[in-house]
PDB file of N, CA and C in Angstrom:
ATOM      1  N   MET A   1     -23.323  11.589  12.014  1.00  0.00           N
ATOM      2  CA  MET A   1     -24.060  11.766  10.440  1.00  0.00           C
ATOM      3  C   MET A   1     -23.068  11.258   9.753  1.00  0.00           C
ATOM      4  N   ILE A   2     -23.629  10.187   8.832  1.00  0.00           N
ATOM      5  CA  ILE A   2     -22.718  10.003   7.602  1.00  0.00           C
ATOM      6  C   ILE A   2     -23.189  10.478   6.567  1.00  0.00           C
ATOM      7  N   VAL A   3     -22.056  11.048   5.828  1.00  0.00           N
ATOM      8  CA  VAL A   3     -22.008  12.010   4.631  1.00  0.00           C
ATOM      9  C   VAL A   3     -21.497  11.223   3.199  1.00  0.00           C
ATOM     10  N   GLY A   4     -21.995  10.716   2.476  1.00  0.00           N
ATOM     11  CA  GLY A   4     -21.610   9.944   1.150  1.00  0.00           C
ATOM     12  C   GLY A   4     -21.303  10.870   0.258  1.00  0.00           C
ATOM     13  N   ALA A   5     -20.359  10.805  -0.625  1.00  0.00           N
ATOM     14  CA  ALA A   5     -20.133  11.635  -1.860  1.00  0.00           C
ATOM     15  C   ALA A   5     -19.487  10.649  -3.043  1.00  0.00           C
ATOM     16  N   ALA A   6     -20.152  10.835  -4.293  1.00  0.00           N
ATOM     17  CA  ALA A   6     -19.449   9.877  -5.270  1.00  0.00           C
ATOM     18  C   ALA A   6     -19.368  10.998  -6.381  1.00  0.00           C
ATOM     19  N   LEU A   7     -18.253  10.706  -7.162  1.00  0.00           N
ATOM     20  CA  LEU A   7     -17.795  11.347  -8.414  1.00  0.00           C
ATOM     21  C   LEU A   7     -18.010  10.384  -9.547  1.00  0.00           C
ATOM     22  N   VAL A   8     -18.924  10.522 -10.705  1.00  0.00           N
ATOM     23  CA  VAL A   8     -18.813   9.325 -11.889  1.00  0.00           C
ATOM     24  C   VAL A   8     -18.569  10.237 -13.100  1.00  0.00           C
ATOM     25  N   GLU A   9     -17.563  10.012 -13.644  1.00  0.00           N
ATOM     26  CA  GLU A   9     -16.919  10.469 -15.083  1.00  0.00           C
ATOM     27  C   GLU A   9     -17.759   9.779 -15.987  1.00  0.00           C
ATOM     28  N   LEU A  10     -18.031  10.300 -16.800  1.00  0.00           N
ATOM     29  CA  LEU A  10     -18.976   9.659 -18.015  1.00  0.00           C
ATOM     30  C   LEU A  10     -18.500  10.255 -19.625  1.00  0.00           C
ATOM     31  N   HIS A  11     -18.350   9.281 -20.528  1.00  0.00           N
ATOM     32  CA  HIS A  11     -17.924   9.319 -21.598  1.00  0.00           C
ATOM     33  C   HIS A  11     -19.294   9.152 -22.481  1.00  0.00           C
ATOM     34  N   VAL A  12     -19.533  10.167 -22.894  1.00  0.00           N
ATOM     35  CA  VAL A  12     -20.816  10.275 -24.065  1.00  0.00           C
ATOM     36  C   VAL A  12     -20.445   9.754 -25.584  1.00  0.00           C
ATOM     37  N   HIS A  13     -20.657   8.455 -25.727  1.00  0.00           N
ATOM     38  CA  HIS A  13     -20.180   8.075 -27.369  1.00  0.00           C
ATOM     39  C   HIS A  13     -20.898   8.738 -28.266  1.00  0.00           C
ATOM     40  N   GLY A  14     -20.718   8.904 -29.299  1.00  0.00           N
ATOM     41  CA  GLY A  14     -21.361   9.490 -30.402  1.00  0.00           C
ATOM     42  C   GLY A  14     -21.882  10.878 -30.460  1.00  0.00           C
ATOM     43  N   SER A  15     -21.461  11.823 -29.220  1.00  0.00           N
ATOM     44  CA  SER A  15     -22.018  13.126 -29.444  1.00  0.00           C
ATOM     45  C   SER A  15     -21.147  13.880 -29.582  1.00  0.00           C
ATOM     46  N   GLN A  16     -22.099  14.867 -30.800  1.00  0.00           N
ATOM     47  CA  GLN A  16     -21.397  15.812 -31.885  1.00  0.00           C
ATOM     48  C   GLN A  16     -21.306  17.141 -31.506  1.00  0.00           C
ATOM     49  N   SER A  17     -22.304  17.368 -30.150  1.00  0.00           N
ATOM     50  CA  SER A  17     -22.272  18.647 -29.711  1.00  0.00           C
ATOM     51  C   SER A  17     -22.567  18.917 -28.341  1.00  0.00           C
ATOM     52  N   LEU A  18     -22.400  20.068 -27.704  1.00  0.00           N
ATOM     53  CA  LEU A  18     -22.610  20.000 -26.226  1.00  0.00           C
ATOM     54  C   LEU A  18     -24.318  19.909 -26.114  1.00  0.00           C
ATOM     55  N   LYS A  19     -25.068  20.045 -26.710  1.00  0.00           N
ATOM     56  CA  LYS A  19     -26.454  19.796 -26.957  1.00  0.00           C
ATOM     57  C   LYS A  19     -26.833  18.147 -26.750  1.00  0.00           C
ATOM     58  N   GLU A  20     -26.367  17.603 -27.620  1.00  0.00           N
ATOM     59  CA  GLU A  20     -26.342  15.953 -27.623  1.00  0.00           C
ATOM     60  C   GLU A  20     -25.819  15.762 -26.232  1.00  0.00           C
ATOM     61  N   LYS A  21     -24.951  15.799 -25.940  1.00  0.00           N
ATOM     62  CA  LYS A  21     -23.987  15.308 -24.755  1.00  0.00           C
ATOM     63  C   LYS A  21     -25.149  15.841 -23.331  1.00  0.00           C
ATOM     64  N   ARG A  22     -25.554  17.066 -23.199  1.00  0.00           N
ATOM     65  CA  ARG A  22     -26.323  17.434 -22.028  1.00  0.00           C
ATOM     66  C   ARG A  22     -27.468  16.847 -22.226  1.00  0.00           C
ATOM     67  N   GLY A  23     -28.071  16.355 -23.218  1.00  0.00           N
ATOM     68  CA  GLY A  23     -29.353  15.698 -23.351  1.00  0.00           C
ATOM     69  C   GLY A  23     -29.261  14.342 -22.729  1.00  0.00           C
ATOM     70  N   VAL A  24     -28.108  13.790 -23.102  1.00  0.00           N
ATOM     71  CA  VAL A  24     -27.607  12.494 -22.506  1.00  0.00           C
ATOM     72  C   VAL A  24     -27.380  12.750 -20.919  1.00  0.00           C
ATOM     73  N   VAL A  25     -26.782  13.466 -20.396  1.00  0.00           N
ATOM     74  CA  VAL A  25     -26.485  13.894 -19.157  1.00  0.00           C
ATOM     75  C   VAL A  25     -27.651  14.177 -18.531  1.00  0.00           C
ATOM     76  N   ARG A  26     -28.487  14.996 -18.906  1.00  0.00           N
ATOM     77  CA  ARG A  26     -29.654  15.444 -18.214  1.00  0.00           C
ATOM     78  C   ARG A  26     -30.506  14.100 -18.002  1.00  0.00           C
ATOM     79  N   SER A  27     -30.971  13.165 -18.928  1.00  0.00           N
ATOM     80  CA  SER A  27     -31.339  11.946 -18.905  1.00  0.00           C
ATOM     81  C   SER A  27     -30.646  10.862 -17.669  1.00  0.00           C
ATOM     82  N   VAL A  28     -29.773  10.855 -17.584  1.00  0.00           N
ATOM     83  CA  VAL A  28     -28.955  10.265 -16.610  1.00  0.00           C
ATOM     84  C   VAL A  28     -29.017  10.607 -15.217  1.00  0.00           C
ATOM     85  N   VAL A  29     -29.393  11.954 -15.118  1.00  0.00           N
ATOM     86  CA  VAL A  29     -29.246  12.769 -13.816  1.00  0.00           C
ATOM     87  C   VAL A  29     -30.409  12.392 -13.216  1.00  0.00           C
ATOM     88  N   GLN A  30     -31.990  12.570 -14.537  1.00  0.00           N
ATOM     89  CA  GLN A  30     -33.112  12.359 -13.983  1.00  0.00           C
ATOM     90  C   GLN A  30     -33.518  10.961 -13.773  1.00  0.00           C
ATOM     91  N   ARG A  31     -32.887  10.287 -14.318  1.00  0.00           N
ATOM     92  CA  ARG A  31     -33.064   8.439 -13.731  1.00  0.00           C
ATOM     93  C   ARG A  31     -32.526   8.463 -12.357  1.00  0.00           C
ATOM     94  N   ILE A  32     -31.354   8.732 -12.166  1.00  0.00           N
ATOM     95  CA  ILE A  32     -30.977   8.684 -10.816  1.00  0.00           C
ATOM     96  C   ILE A  32     -31.893   9.226  -9.761  1.00  0.00           C
ATOM     97  N   ARG A  33     -32.216  10.587 -10.157  1.00  0.00           N
ATOM     98  CA  ARG A  33     -33.218  10.980  -9.141  1.00  0.00           C
ATOM     99  C   ARG A  33     -34.517  10.397  -9.017  1.00  0.00           C
ATOM    100  N   ASN A  34     -35.008   9.917  -9.693  1.00  0.00           N
ATOM    101  CA  ASN A  34     -36.315   9.264 -10.213  1.00  0.00           C
ATOM    102  C   ASN A  34     -36.020   7.719  -9.335  1.00  0.00           C
ATOM    103  N   ARG A  35     -34.924   7.120  -9.298  1.00  0.00           N
ATOM    104  CA  ARG A  35     -34.554   5.665  -8.974  1.00  0.00           C
ATOM    105  C   ARG A  35     -34.121   6.175  -7.110  1.00  0.00           C
ATOM    106  N   PHE A  36     -33.274   6.793  -6.943  1.00  0.00           N
ATOM    107  CA  PHE A  36     -32.888   6.860  -5.767  1.00  0.00           C
ATOM    108  C   PHE A  36     -32.836   8.139  -4.979  1.00  0.00           C
ATOM    109  N   ASN A  37     -32.804   7.922  -3.754  1.00  0.00           N
ATOM    110  CA  ASN A  37     -33.155   9.397  -2.702  1.00  0.00           C
ATOM    111  C   ASN A  37     -31.726   9.981  -2.548  1.00  0.00           C
ATOM    112  N   VAL A  38     -31.187  10.640  -3.359  1.00  0.00           N
ATOM    113  CA  VAL A  38     -30.058  11.173  -3.460  1.00  0.00           C
ATOM    114  C   VAL A  38     -29.929  12.346  -4.014  1.00  0.00           C
ATOM    115  N   SER A  39     -28.930  13.257  -3.852  1.00  0.00           N
ATOM    116  CA  SER A  39     -28.700  14.696  -4.466  1.00  0.00           C
ATOM    117  C   SER A  39     -27.830  14.320  -5.685  1.00  0.00           C
ATOM    118  N   VAL A  40     -28.084  15.155  -6.950  1.00  0.00           N
ATOM    119  CA  VAL A  40     -27.403  14.543  -8.257  1.00  0.00           C
ATOM    120  C   VAL A  40     -27.316  15.984  -9.119  1.00  0.00           C
ATOM    121  N   ALA A  41     -25.859  16.359  -9.613  1.00  0.00           N
ATOM    122  CA  ALA A  41     -25.805  17.292 -10.440  1.00  0.00           C
ATOM    123  C   ALA A  41     -24.512  17.392 -11.372  1.00  0.00           C
ATOM    124  N   GLU A  42     -24.530  17.726 -12.454  1.00  0.00           N
ATOM    125  CA  GLU A  42     -23.387  17.619 -13.285  1.00  0.00           C
ATOM    126  C   GLU A  42     -22.150  18.744 -12.679  1.00  0.00           C
ATOM    127  N   VAL A  43     -21.113  18.165 -12.686  1.00  0.00           N
ATOM    128  CA  VAL A  43     -20.185  19.038 -11.781  1.00  0.00           C
ATOM    129  C   VAL A  43     -18.566  19.483 -12.512  1.00  0.00           C
ATOM    130  N   GLY A  44     -18.516  18.708 -13.730  1.00  0.00           N
ATOM    131  CA  GLY A  44     -17.561  19.073 -14.464  1.00  0.00           C
ATOM    132  C   GLY A  44     -18.013  18.574 -15.971  1.00  0.00           C
ATOM    133  N   GLY A  45     -16.992  19.000 -16.515  1.00  0.00           N
ATOM    134  CA  GLY A  45     -16.577  18.529 -18.217  1.00  0.00           C
ATOM    135  C   GLY A  45     -18.314  19.427 -18.989  1.00  0.00           C
ATOM    136  N   GLN A  46     -18.339  20.558 -18.549  1.00  0.00           N
ATOM    137  CA  GLN A  46     -19.777  21.282 -18.874  1.00  0.00           C
ATOM    138  C   GLN A  46     -19.412  21.861 -20.523  1.00  0.00           C
ATOM    139  N   GLY A  47     -17.923  21.938 -20.488  1.00  0.00           N
ATOM    140  CA  GLY A  47     -17.471  22.528 -21.842  1.00  0.00           C
ATOM    141  C   GLY A  47     -17.022  21.542 -23.204  1.00  0.00           C
ATOM    142  N   THR A  48     -17.051  20.097 -22.817  1.00  0.00           N
ATOM    143  CA  THR A  48     -16.862  19.454 -23.867  1.00  0.00           C
ATOM    144  C   THR A  48     -17.815  18.585 -24.407  1.00  0.00           C
ATOM    145  N   TRP A  49     -17.757  17.863 -25.510  1.00  0.00           N
ATOM    146  CA  TRP A  49     -18.746  17.471 -26.241  1.00  0.00           C
ATOM    147  C   TRP A  49     -19.093  15.962 -25.627  1.00  0.00           C
ATOM    148  N   GLN A  50     -18.166  15.260 -24.985  1.00  0.00           N
ATOM    149  CA  GLN A  50     -18.216  13.917 -24.757  1.00  0.00           C
ATOM    150  C   GLN A  50     -17.850  13.351 -23.521  1.00  0.00           C
ATOM    151  N   ARG A  51     -17.768  14.318 -22.461  1.00  0.00           N
ATOM    152  CA  ARG A  51     -17.133  13.901 -21.273  1.00  0.00           C
ATOM    153  C   ARG A  51     -18.087  15.004 -20.026  1.00  0.00           C
ATOM    154  N   ALA A  52     -18.444  14.245 -19.148  1.00  0.00           N
ATOM    155  CA  ALA A  52     -19.153  14.731 -18.319  1.00  0.00           C
ATOM    156  C   ALA A  52     -18.747  14.132 -16.956  1.00  0.00           C
ATOM    157  N   VAL A  53     -18.909  14.967 -15.598  1.00  0.00           N
ATOM    158  CA  VAL A  53     -18.651  14.413 -14.295  1.00  0.00           C
ATOM    159  C   VAL A  53     -19.840  14.744 -13.502  1.00  0.00           C
ATOM    160  N   VAL A  54     -20.398  13.570 -13.090  1.00  0.00           N
ATOM    161  CA  VAL A  54     -21.759  13.869 -11.984  1.00  0.00           C
ATOM    162  C   VAL A  54     -21.470  13.712 -10.613  1.00  0.00           C
ATOM    163  N   GLY A  55     -21.731  14.606  -9.866  1.00  0.00           N
ATOM    164  CA  GLY A  55     -21.752  14.710  -8.407  1.00  0.00           C
ATOM    165  C   GLY A  55     -22.978  14.065  -7.622  1.00  0.00           C
ATOM    166  N   ILE A  56     -22.778  13.074  -7.028  1.00  0.00           N
ATOM    167  CA  ILE A  56     -23.906  12.374  -6.074  1.00  0.00           C
ATOM    168  C   ILE A  56     -23.733  12.517  -4.739  1.00  0.00           C
ATOM    169  N   THR A  57     -24.503  12.511  -3.847  1.00  0.00           N
ATOM    170  CA  THR A  57     -24.203  12.676  -2.254  1.00  0.00           C
ATOM    171  C   THR A  57     -25.720  12.045  -1.746  1.00  0.00           C
ATOM    172  N   THR A  58     -25.362  11.479  -0.527  1.00  0.00           N
ATOM    173  CA  THR A  58     -26.455  11.173   0.299  1.00  0.00           C
ATOM    174  C   THR A  58     -25.886  11.291   1.806  1.00  0.00           C
ATOM    175  N   VAL A  59     -27.118  11.148   2.861  1.00  0.00           N
ATOM    176  CA  VAL A  59     -26.727  11.123   4.181  1.00  0.00           C
ATOM    177  C   VAL A  59     -27.402  10.002   4.846  1.00  0.00           C
ATOM    178  N   GLY A  60     -26.826   9.688   6.051  1.00  0.00           N
ATOM    179  CA  GLY A  60     -27.431   8.745   6.952  1.00  0.00           C
ATOM    180  C   GLY A  60     -27.041   8.389   8.186  1.00  0.00           C
ATOM    181  N   ASN A  61     -27.371   7.289   8.777  1.00  0.00           N
ATOM    182  CA  ASN A  61     -26.359   7.053  10.207  1.00  0.00           C
ATOM    183  C   ASN A  61     -25.842   5.941  10.113  1.00  0.00           C
ATOM    184  N   ASP A  62     -25.482   5.281   9.057  1.00  0.00           N
ATOM    185  CA  ASP A  62     -24.707   3.904   8.952  1.00  0.00           C
ATOM    186  C   ASP A  62     -23.892   4.392   7.465  1.00  0.00           C
ATOM    187  N   ALA A  63     -22.862   4.003   7.602  1.00  0.00           N
ATOM    188  CA  ALA A  63     -21.624   4.327   6.633  1.00  0.00           C
ATOM    189  C   ALA A  63     -21.909   3.049   5.948  1.00  0.00           C
ATOM    190  N   ARG A  64     -22.371   1.832   5.901  1.00  0.00           N
ATOM    191  CA  ARG A  64     -22.079   0.484   5.371  1.00  0.00           C
ATOM    192  C   ARG A  64     -23.688   0.907   3.980  1.00  0.00           C
ATOM    193  N   THR A  65     -24.618   1.629   4.961  1.00  0.00           N
ATOM    194  CA  THR A  65     -25.782   1.460   3.872  1.00  0.00           C
ATOM    195  C   THR A  65     -25.565   2.994   2.974  1.00  0.00           C
ATOM    196  N   VAL A  66     -24.803   3.868   3.447  1.00  0.00           N
ATOM    197  CA  VAL A  66     -24.633   5.069   2.492  1.00  0.00           C
ATOM    198  C   VAL A  66     -23.752   4.596   1.485  1.00  0.00           C
ATOM    199  N   ARG A  67     -22.581   3.797   1.618  1.00  0.00           N
ATOM    200  CA  ARG A  67     -21.605   3.472   0.581  1.00  0.00           C
ATOM    201  C   ARG A  67     -22.694   2.653  -0.394  1.00  0.00           C
ATOM    202  N   SER A  68     -23.504   1.707   0.408  1.00  0.00           N
ATOM    203  CA  SER A  68     -24.228   0.816  -0.496  1.00  0.00           C
ATOM    204  C   SER A  68     -24.810   1.728  -1.675  1.00  0.00           C
ATOM    205  N   VAL A  69     -25.783   2.722  -1.076  1.00  0.00           N
ATOM    206  CA  VAL A  69     -26.646   3.012  -2.026  1.00  0.00           C
ATOM    207  C   VAL A  69     -26.081   4.000  -3.195  1.00  0.00           C
ATOM    208  N   LEU A  70     -24.601   4.234  -2.618  1.00  0.00           N
ATOM    209  CA  LEU A  70     -23.896   5.168  -3.662  1.00  0.00           C
ATOM    210  C   LEU A  70     -23.130   4.108  -5.098  1.00  0.00           C
ATOM    211  N   ASP A  71     -22.734   3.071  -4.168  1.00  0.00           N
ATOM    212  CA  ASP A  71     -22.193   1.758  -5.078  1.00  0.00           C
ATOM    213  C   ASP A  71     -23.409   1.676  -6.198  1.00  0.00           C
ATOM    214  N   ARG A  72     -24.678   1.291  -5.792  1.00  0.00           N
ATOM    215  CA  ARG A  72     -25.745   1.095  -6.547  1.00  0.00           C
ATOM    216  C   ARG A  72     -26.122   2.085  -7.556  1.00  0.00           C
ATOM    217  N   VAL A  73     -25.974   3.507  -7.212  1.00  0.00           N
ATOM    218  CA  VAL A  73     -26.363   4.496  -8.045  1.00  0.00           C
ATOM    219  C   VAL A  73     -25.194   4.168  -9.162  1.00  0.00           C
ATOM    220  N   VAL A  74     -23.709   3.905  -8.783  1.00  0.00           N
ATOM    221  CA  VAL A  74     -22.576   3.844 -10.075  1.00  0.00           C
ATOM    222  C   VAL A  74     -23.189   2.834 -10.931  1.00  0.00           C
ATOM    223  N   GLU A  75     -23.423   1.588 -10.031  1.00  0.00           N
ATOM    224  CA  GLU A  75     -23.794   0.363 -11.138  1.00  0.00           C
ATOM    225  C   GLU A  75     -24.915   0.744 -11.993  1.00  0.00           C
ATOM    226  N   PHE A  76     -25.945   1.206 -11.592  1.00  0.00           N
ATOM    227  CA  PHE A  76     -27.497   1.876 -12.150  1.00  0.00           C
ATOM    228  C   PHE A  76     -26.854   2.820 -13.372  1.00  0.00           C
ATOM    229  N   VAL A  77     -26.229   3.897 -13.147  1.00  0.00           N
ATOM    230  CA  VAL A  77     -25.371   4.500 -14.214  1.00  0.00           C
ATOM    231  C   VAL A  77     -24.795   3.748 -15.434  1.00  0.00           C
ATOM    232  N   GLU A  78     -24.001   2.620 -14.873  1.00  0.00           N
ATOM    233  CA  GLU A  78     -23.193   1.807 -15.901  1.00  0.00           C
ATOM    234  C   GLU A  78     -24.388   1.212 -16.837  1.00  0.00           C
ATOM    235  N   GLY A  79     -25.236   0.474 -16.057  1.00  0.00           N
ATOM    236  CA  GLY A  79     -26.260  -0.147 -16.943  1.00  0.00           C
ATOM    237  C   GLY A  79     -27.159   0.500 -17.328  1.00  0.00           C
ATOM    238  N   THR A  80     -27.197   1.377 -17.482  1.00  0.00           N
ATOM    239  CA  THR A  80     -28.203   2.436 -18.415  1.00  0.00           C
ATOM    240  C   THR A  80     -27.756   2.373 -19.897  1.00  0.00           C
ATOM    241  N   GLY A  81     -26.526   2.285 -20.131  1.00  0.00           N
ATOM    242  CA  GLY A  81     -26.152   2.230 -21.468  1.00  0.00           C
ATOM    243  C   GLY A  81     -26.183   3.269 -22.125  1.00  0.00           C
ATOM    244  N   LEU A  82     -26.399   4.518 -21.500  1.00  0.00           N
ATOM    245  CA  LEU A  82     -26.329   5.787 -22.132  1.00  0.00           C
ATOM    246  C   LEU A  82     -25.097   6.435 -22.320  1.00  0.00           C
ATOM    247  N   ALA A  83     -24.571   6.165 -21.596  1.00  0.00           N
ATOM    248  CA  ALA A  83     -22.889   6.679 -21.314  1.00  0.00           C
ATOM    249  C   ALA A  83     -21.759   5.733 -20.916  1.00  0.00           C
ATOM    250  N   GLU A  84     -20.568   5.666 -20.995  1.00  0.00           N
ATOM    251  CA  GLU A  84     -19.782   4.924 -20.482  1.00  0.00           C
ATOM    252  C   GLU A  84     -19.302   5.443 -19.266  1.00  0.00           C
ATOM    253  N   VAL A  85     -19.478   4.599 -18.069  1.00  0.00           N
ATOM    254  CA  VAL A  85     -18.509   5.137 -16.870  1.00  0.00           C
ATOM    255  C   VAL A  85     -16.968   4.861 -16.905  1.00  0.00           C
ATOM    256  N   THR A  86     -16.128   5.878 -17.363  1.00  0.00           N
ATOM    257  CA  THR A  86     -14.805   5.801 -17.422  1.00  0.00           C
ATOM    258  C   THR A  86     -13.855   5.893 -15.924  1.00  0.00           C
ATOM    259  N   ASN A  87     -14.883   6.563 -14.719  1.00  0.00           N
ATOM    260  CA  ASN A  87     -14.141   6.481 -13.584  1.00  0.00           C
ATOM    261  C   ASN A  87     -14.896   7.125 -12.625  1.00  0.00           C
ATOM    262  N   SER A  88     -14.756   6.349 -11.107  1.00  0.00           N
ATOM    263  CA  SER A  88     -16.158   6.335 -10.065  1.00  0.00           C
ATOM    264  C   SER A  88     -15.036   6.778  -8.989  1.00  0.00           C
ATOM    265  N   ASP A  89     -15.489   7.639  -8.113  1.00  0.00           N
ATOM    266  CA  ASP A  89     -14.924   7.730  -6.906  1.00  0.00           C
ATOM    267  C   ASP A  89     -16.064   7.696  -5.573  1.00  0.00           C
ATOM    268  N   VAL A  90     -16.104   7.247  -4.620  1.00  0.00           N
ATOM    269  CA  VAL A  90     -16.731   7.089  -3.578  1.00  0.00           C
ATOM    270  C   VAL A  90     -16.101   7.480  -2.368  1.00  0.00           C
ATOM    271  N   GLU A  91     -16.474   8.675  -1.476  1.00  0.00           N
ATOM    272  CA  GLU A  91     -15.881   9.020  -0.238  1.00  0.00           C
ATOM    273  C   GLU A  91     -16.664   8.817   0.701  1.00  0.00           C
ATOM    274  N   ILE A  92     -16.989   8.415   2.050  1.00  0.00           N
ATOM    275  CA  ILE A  92     -17.524   8.351   3.182  1.00  0.00           C
ATOM    276  C   ILE A  92     -16.958   9.477   4.111  1.00  0.00           C
ATOM    277  N   VAL A  93     -17.640  10.291   4.753  1.00  0.00           N
ATOM    278  CA  VAL A  93     -17.205  11.055   6.026  1.00  0.00           C
ATOM    279  C   VAL A  93     -18.300  11.158   7.173  1.00  0.00           C
ATOM    280  N   THR A  94     -17.531  10.821   8.357  1.00  0.00           N
ATOM    281  CA  THR A  94     -18.258  10.799   9.433  1.00  0.00           C
ATOM    282  C   THR A  94     -18.405  12.297  10.089  1.00  0.00           C
ATOM    283  N   LEU A  95     -19.436  12.814  10.164  1.00  0.00           N
ATOM    284  CA  LEU A  95     -19.515  14.301  11.133  1.00  0.00           C
ATOM    285  C   LEU A  95     -19.968  13.906  12.476  1.00  0.00           C
ATOM    286  N   GLU A  96     -19.430  14.171  13.600  1.00  0.00           N
ATOM    287  CA  GLU A  96     -19.804  13.767  14.753  1.00  0.00           C
ATOM    288  C   GLU A  96     -20.239  15.482  15.347  1.00  0.00           C
ATOM    289  N   HIS A  97     -21.377  14.873  16.286  1.00  0.00           N
ATOM    290  CA  HIS A  97     -21.969  16.294  16.566  1.00  0.00           C
ATOM    291  C   HIS A  97     -21.395  16.197  18.080  1.00  0.00           C
ATOM    292  N   GLY A  98     -20.716  17.477  18.423  1.00  0.00           N
ATOM    293  CA  GLY A  98     -19.734  17.085  19.793  1.00  0.00           C
ATOM    294  C   GLY A  98     -20.570  17.237  21.128  1.00  0.00           C
ATOM    295  N   ASP A  99     -21.615  17.829  21.474  1.00  0.00           N
ATOM    296  CA  ASP A  99     -22.366  18.077  22.463  1.00  0.00           C
ATOM    297  C   ASP A  99     -23.774  17.251  22.526  1.00  0.00           C
ATOM    298  N   GLY A 100     -23.414  15.816  22.160  1.00  0.00           N
ATOM    299  CA  GLY A 100     -24.621  14.979  22.398  1.00  0.00           C
ATOM    300  C   GLY A 100     -26.005  15.305  21.217  1.00  0.00           C
ATOM    301  N   GLU A 101     -26.592  14.161  21.568  1.00  0.00           N
ATOM    302  CA  GLU A 101     -27.691  14.089  20.355  1.00  0.00           C
ATOM    303  C   GLU A 101     -28.762  14.914  20.770  1.00  0.00           C
ATOM    304  N   GLY A 102     -29.433  15.663  19.880  1.00  0.00           N
ATOM    305  CA  GLY A 102     -30.406  16.643  20.075  1.00  0.00           C
ATOM    306  C   GLY A 102     -29.985  17.896  20.653  1.00  0.00           C
ATOM    307  N   ALA A 103     -28.644  17.997  21.049  1.00  0.00           N
ATOM    308  CA  ALA A 103     -28.442  19.337  21.796  1.00  0.00           C
ATOM    309  C   ALA A 103     -28.268  20.384  20.465  1.00  0.00           C
ATOM    310  N   ALA A 104     -28.763  21.846  20.771  1.00  0.00           N
ATOM    311  CA  ALA A 104     -28.458  22.785  19.923  1.00  0.00           C
ATOM    312  C   ALA A 104     -26.854  23.376  20.087  1.00  0.00           C
ATOM    313  N   ASP A 105     -26.680  23.585  18.908  1.00  0.00           N
ATOM    314  CA  ASP A 105     -25.395  24.623  18.785  1.00  0.00           C
ATOM    315  C   ASP A 105     -25.064  25.810  19.047  1.00  0.00           C
ATOM    316  N   GLU A 106     -24.247  26.425  19.386  1.00  0.00           N
ATOM    317  CA  GLU A 106     -24.396  27.942  19.841  1.00  0.00           C
ATOM    318  C   GLU A 106     -24.823  28.708  19.107  1.00  0.00           C
ATOM    319  N   ASP A 107     -25.142  28.464  17.764  1.00  0.00           N
ATOM    320  CA  ASP A 107     -25.436  29.364  16.780  1.00  0.00           C
ATOM    321  C   ASP A 107     -26.737  29.189  16.734  1.00  0.00           C
ATOM    322  N   ASP A 108     -27.537  28.443  17.070  1.00  0.00           N
ATOM    323  CA  ASP A 108     -28.869  27.582  17.079  1.00  0.00           C
ATOM    324  C   ASP A 108     -29.476  28.380  18.212  1.00  0.00           C
ATOM    325  N   ARG A 109     -28.750  28.342  19.179  1.00  0.00           N
ATOM    326  CA  ARG A 109     -29.350  29.036  20.176  1.00  0.00           C
ATOM    327  C   ARG A 109     -30.232  30.450  20.162  1.00  0.00           C
ATOM    328  N   GLU A 110     -31.189  30.585  20.964  1.00  0.00           N
ATOM    329  CA  GLU A 110     -31.756  32.359  20.821  1.00  0.00           C
ATOM    330  C   GLU A 110     -31.023  33.007  21.639  1.00  0.00           C
ATOM    331  N   ASP A 111     -30.637  34.402  21.142  1.00  0.00           N
ATOM    332  CA  ASP A 111     -30.330  34.992  21.616  1.00  0.00           C
ATOM    333  C   ASP A 111     -31.208  35.890  22.941  1.00  0.00           C
ATOM    334  N   PRO A 112     -30.759  35.708  24.190  1.00  0.00           N
ATOM    335  CA  PRO A 112     -31.497  36.066  25.545  1.00  0.00           C
ATOM    336  C   PRO A 112     -31.625  37.740  25.777  1.00  0.00           C
ATOM    337  N   ALA A 113     -30.951  38.426  24.747  1.00  0.00           N
ATOM    338  CA  ALA A 113     -31.273  40.051  24.838  1.00  0.00           C
ATOM    339  C   ALA A 113     -32.567  40.484  24.187  1.00  0.00           C
TER     340      ALA A 113
END
C-alpha cells in the first residue's frame, strides 16, 4: 500500500480575524474534497489570522499515481486564488504487508477459544 501525505501552508491575504480566515480555509478544504478523492483537514495555524496549514492524504497501489494526485491538489489550491501557498511538502510512504496478499494479520484472526 502506498500512502501519500501533503502539508500545504497558506497565507490568507487581507484576513482581519480568525473568523475570516476560517471561512477561506473551509472553502479551500471543501473545494479539495469536492474535486479530489482525498482526506483533508486544517492541521496548523488555527490561532493565527492569516496563516493556515492544511494536511492532505491519499492511498493507492502505485507511488507515481499517489504523488500525481497530491501534486494536482497543491496546484489546484494555488489556482483557486483564495490564499497564497507559501510552502508545500509531499511525502510518499510504502507499507508492505508481511505475509502475502489477502492474508490476515494475527490481530485479525478469530480467537479459537
